[in-house]
């Protein structure tokens, strides 16, 4: 499916993750928890960083001011997920349609 991304991006289209946190289905997953603990960041920040490092504009939604600040911190804190961590998260595909993994479009 990466061919689709390349083709769309060749036309100047930017991918966007409207609910990049998977409606909180993804944060509790063991892989996300493992990476969060290793990087000393929150699971939500792991998910946002993964999407951003994939080149996806993210629009996380929260009505909680603390979570909004935490999400925003993901864009400026300088933490970068390793290639290995990115691959671990990429491998999480379980058939559930989260509608945000850019490799699955």
C-alpha atoms as a PDB file:
ATOM      1  CA  UNK A   1       0.000   0.000   0.000  1.00  0.00           C
ATOM      2  CA  UNK A   2       2.989   2.304   0.156  1.00  0.00           C
ATOM      3  CA  UNK A   3       2.621   2.780  -3.608  1.00  0.00           C
ATOM      4  CA  UNK A   4      -0.603   4.649  -2.853  1.00  0.00           C
ATOM      5  CA  UNK A   5       1.178   7.006  -0.478  1.00  0.00           C
ATOM      6  CA  UNK A   6       3.927   7.703  -3.003  1.00  0.00           C
ATOM      7  CA  UNK A   7       1.431   8.353  -5.771  1.00  0.00           C
ATOM      8  CA  UNK A   8      -0.744  10.644  -3.676  1.00  0.00           C
ATOM      9  CA  UNK A   9       2.258  12.536  -2.284  1.00  0.00           C
ATOM     10  CA  UNK A  10       3.616  12.965  -5.816  1.00  0.00           C
ATOM     11  CA  UNK A  11       0.512  15.089  -6.432  1.00  0.00           C
ATOM     12  CA  UNK A  12       1.166  17.237  -3.371  1.00  0.00           C
ATOM     13  CA  UNK A  13      -1.501  15.663  -1.150  1.00  0.00           C
ATOM     14  CA  UNK A  14      -0.717  15.612   2.573  1.00  0.00           C
ATOM     15  CA  UNK A  15      -1.924  12.689   4.675  1.00  0.00           C
ATOM     16  CA  UNK A  16      -3.761  13.633   7.856  1.00  0.00           C
ATOM     17  CA  UNK A  17      -4.511  11.595  10.968  1.00  0.00           C
ATOM     18  CA  UNK A  18      -7.809  12.908  12.286  1.00  0.00           C
ATOM     19  CA  UNK A  19      -7.998  10.482  15.201  1.00  0.00           C
ATOM     20  CA  UNK A  20      -4.328   9.506  15.431  1.00  0.00           C
ATOM     21  CA  UNK A  21      -4.732   7.999  18.876  1.00  0.00           C
ATOM     22  CA  UNK A  22      -7.075   5.296  17.569  1.00  0.00           C
ATOM     23  CA  UNK A  23      -9.924   6.412  19.829  1.00  0.00           C
ATOM     24  CA  UNK A  24      -7.778   5.226  22.744  1.00  0.00           C
ATOM     25  CA  UNK A  25      -7.788   1.633  21.431  1.00  0.00           C
ATOM     26  CA  UNK A  26      -4.045   1.708  20.799  1.00  0.00           C
ATOM     27  CA  UNK A  27      -2.503   3.280  23.907  1.00  0.00           C
ATOM     28  CA  UNK A  28      -3.116   0.203  26.103  1.00  0.00           C
ATOM     29  CA  UNK A  29      -1.449  -2.167  23.610  1.00  0.00           C
ATOM     30  CA  UNK A  30       1.679  -3.866  24.982  1.00  0.00           C
ATOM     31  CA  UNK A  31       3.945  -2.604  22.193  1.00  0.00           C
ATOM     32  CA  UNK A  32       2.920   1.004  22.756  1.00  0.00           C
ATOM     33  CA  UNK A  33       3.327   0.625  26.516  1.00  0.00           C
ATOM     34  CA  UNK A  34       6.795  -0.890  26.021  1.00  0.00           C
ATOM     35  CA  UNK A  35       7.993   1.930  23.759  1.00  0.00           C
ATOM     36  CA  UNK A  36       6.484   4.575  26.068  1.00  0.00           C
ATOM     37  CA  UNK A  37       8.268   3.153  29.086  1.00  0.00           C
ATOM     38  CA  UNK A  38      11.552   2.858  27.204  1.00  0.00           C
ATOM     39  CA  UNK A  39      11.338   6.451  25.883  1.00  0.00           C
ATOM     40  CA  UNK A  40       9.895   7.845  29.155  1.00  0.00           C
ATOM     41  CA  UNK A  41       6.951   9.425  27.356  1.00  0.00           C
ATOM     42  CA  UNK A  42       3.229   8.709  27.417  1.00  0.00           C
ATOM     43  CA  UNK A  43       1.580   6.136  25.142  1.00  0.00           C
ATOM     44  CA  UNK A  44      -0.291   8.952  23.402  1.00  0.00           C
ATOM     45  CA  UNK A  45       2.994  10.701  22.685  1.00  0.00           C
ATOM     46  CA  UNK A  46       4.380   7.466  21.208  1.00  0.00           C
ATOM     47  CA  UNK A  47       1.420   7.221  18.836  1.00  0.00           C
ATOM     48  CA  UNK A  48       1.662  10.860  17.798  1.00  0.00           C
ATOM     49  CA  UNK A  49       5.408  10.617  17.241  1.00  0.00           C
ATOM     50  CA  UNK A  50       4.964   7.480  15.160  1.00  0.00           C
ATOM     51  CA  UNK A  51       2.453   9.230  12.896  1.00  0.00           C
ATOM     52  CA  UNK A  52       4.568  12.390  12.646  1.00  0.00           C
ATOM     53  CA  UNK A  53       7.678  10.394  11.799  1.00  0.00           C
ATOM     54  CA  UNK A  54       5.638   8.734   9.047  1.00  0.00           C
ATOM     55  CA  UNK A  55       4.952  12.197   7.623  1.00  0.00           C
ATOM     56  CA  UNK A  56       1.312  12.329   8.685  1.00  0.00           C
ATOM     57  CA  UNK A  57      -0.152  15.581   9.974  1.00  0.00           C
ATOM     58  CA  UNK A  58      -1.941  14.737  13.200  1.00  0.00           C
ATOM     59  CA  UNK A  59      -5.023  16.314  14.709  1.00  0.00           C
ATOM     60  CA  UNK A  60      -5.519  14.718  18.118  1.00  0.00           C
ATOM     61  CA  UNK A  61      -8.738  15.612  19.879  1.00  0.00           C
ATOM     62  CA  UNK A  62      -9.256  15.974  23.591  1.00  0.00           C
ATOM     63  CA  UNK A  63     -11.522  17.998  25.817  1.00  0.00           C
ATOM     64  CA  UNK A  64      -8.974  17.675  28.642  1.00  0.00           C
ATOM     65  CA  UNK A  65      -6.560  20.642  28.804  1.00  0.00           C
ATOM     66  CA  UNK A  66      -3.755  18.550  30.325  1.00  0.00           C
ATOM     67  CA  UNK A  67      -3.985  15.976  27.552  1.00  0.00           C
ATOM     68  CA  UNK A  68      -4.020  18.724  24.931  1.00  0.00           C
ATOM     69  CA  UNK A  69      -0.795  20.129  26.398  1.00  0.00           C
ATOM     70  CA  UNK A  70       0.710  16.622  26.569  1.00  0.00           C
ATOM     71  CA  UNK A  71      -0.201  15.996  22.921  1.00  0.00           C
ATOM     72  CA  UNK A  72       1.286  19.327  21.844  1.00  0.00           C
ATOM     73  CA  UNK A  73       4.497  18.505  23.690  1.00  0.00           C
ATOM     74  CA  UNK A  74       4.962  15.597  21.271  1.00  0.00           C
ATOM     75  CA  UNK A  75       5.677  18.028  18.458  1.00  0.00           C
ATOM     76  CA  UNK A  76       8.418  19.987  20.223  1.00  0.00           C
ATOM     77  CA  UNK A  77      10.180  17.810  22.792  1.00  0.00           C
ATOM     78  CA  UNK A  78      12.911  16.526  20.463  1.00  0.00           C
ATOM     79  CA  UNK A  79      12.268  12.841  21.233  1.00  0.00           C
ATOM     80  CA  UNK A  80      12.581  10.631  18.157  1.00  0.00           C
ATOM     81  CA  UNK A  81      11.453   7.021  17.995  1.00  0.00           C
ATOM     82  CA  UNK A  82      14.182   4.642  16.856  1.00  0.00           C
ATOM     83  CA  UNK A  83      13.923   2.684  13.612  1.00  0.00           C
ATOM     84  CA  UNK A  84      13.386  -0.437  15.704  1.00  0.00           C
ATOM     85  CA  UNK A  85      10.536   1.137  17.677  1.00  0.00           C
ATOM     86  CA  UNK A  86       8.936   2.399  14.473  1.00  0.00           C
ATOM     87  CA  UNK A  87       9.103  -1.130  13.034  1.00  0.00           C
ATOM     88  CA  UNK A  88       7.607  -2.604  16.219  1.00  0.00           C
ATOM     89  CA  UNK A  89       4.654  -0.248  15.929  1.00  0.00           C
ATOM     90  CA  UNK A  90       4.354  -0.868  12.166  1.00  0.00           C
ATOM     91  CA  UNK A  91       4.083  -4.593  12.913  1.00  0.00           C
ATOM     92  CA  UNK A  92       1.061  -4.127  15.186  1.00  0.00           C
ATOM     93  CA  UNK A  93      -1.388  -4.666  12.313  1.00  0.00           C
ATOM     94  CA  UNK A  94      -4.148  -6.908  13.627  1.00  0.00           C
ATOM     95  CA  UNK A  95      -6.852  -6.399  11.030  1.00  0.00           C
ATOM     96  CA  UNK A  96      -8.734  -3.806  13.101  1.00  0.00           C
ATOM     97  CA  UNK A  97      -9.425  -0.647  11.119  1.00  0.00           C
ATOM     98  CA  UNK A  98      -7.928   2.181  13.114  1.00  0.00           C
ATOM     99  CA  UNK A  99      -7.909   4.317   9.978  1.00  0.00           C
ATOM    100  CA  UNK A 100      -4.639   6.063  10.677  1.00  0.00           C
ATOM    101  CA  UNK A 101      -1.686   3.868   9.766  1.00  0.00           C
ATOM    102  CA  UNK A 102      -0.394   5.522   6.597  1.00  0.00           C
ATOM    103  CA  UNK A 103       1.195   2.242   5.477  1.00  0.00           C
ATOM    104  CA  UNK A 104      -2.221   0.607   5.368  1.00  0.00           C
ATOM    105  CA  UNK A 105      -3.968   3.102   3.113  1.00  0.00           C
END
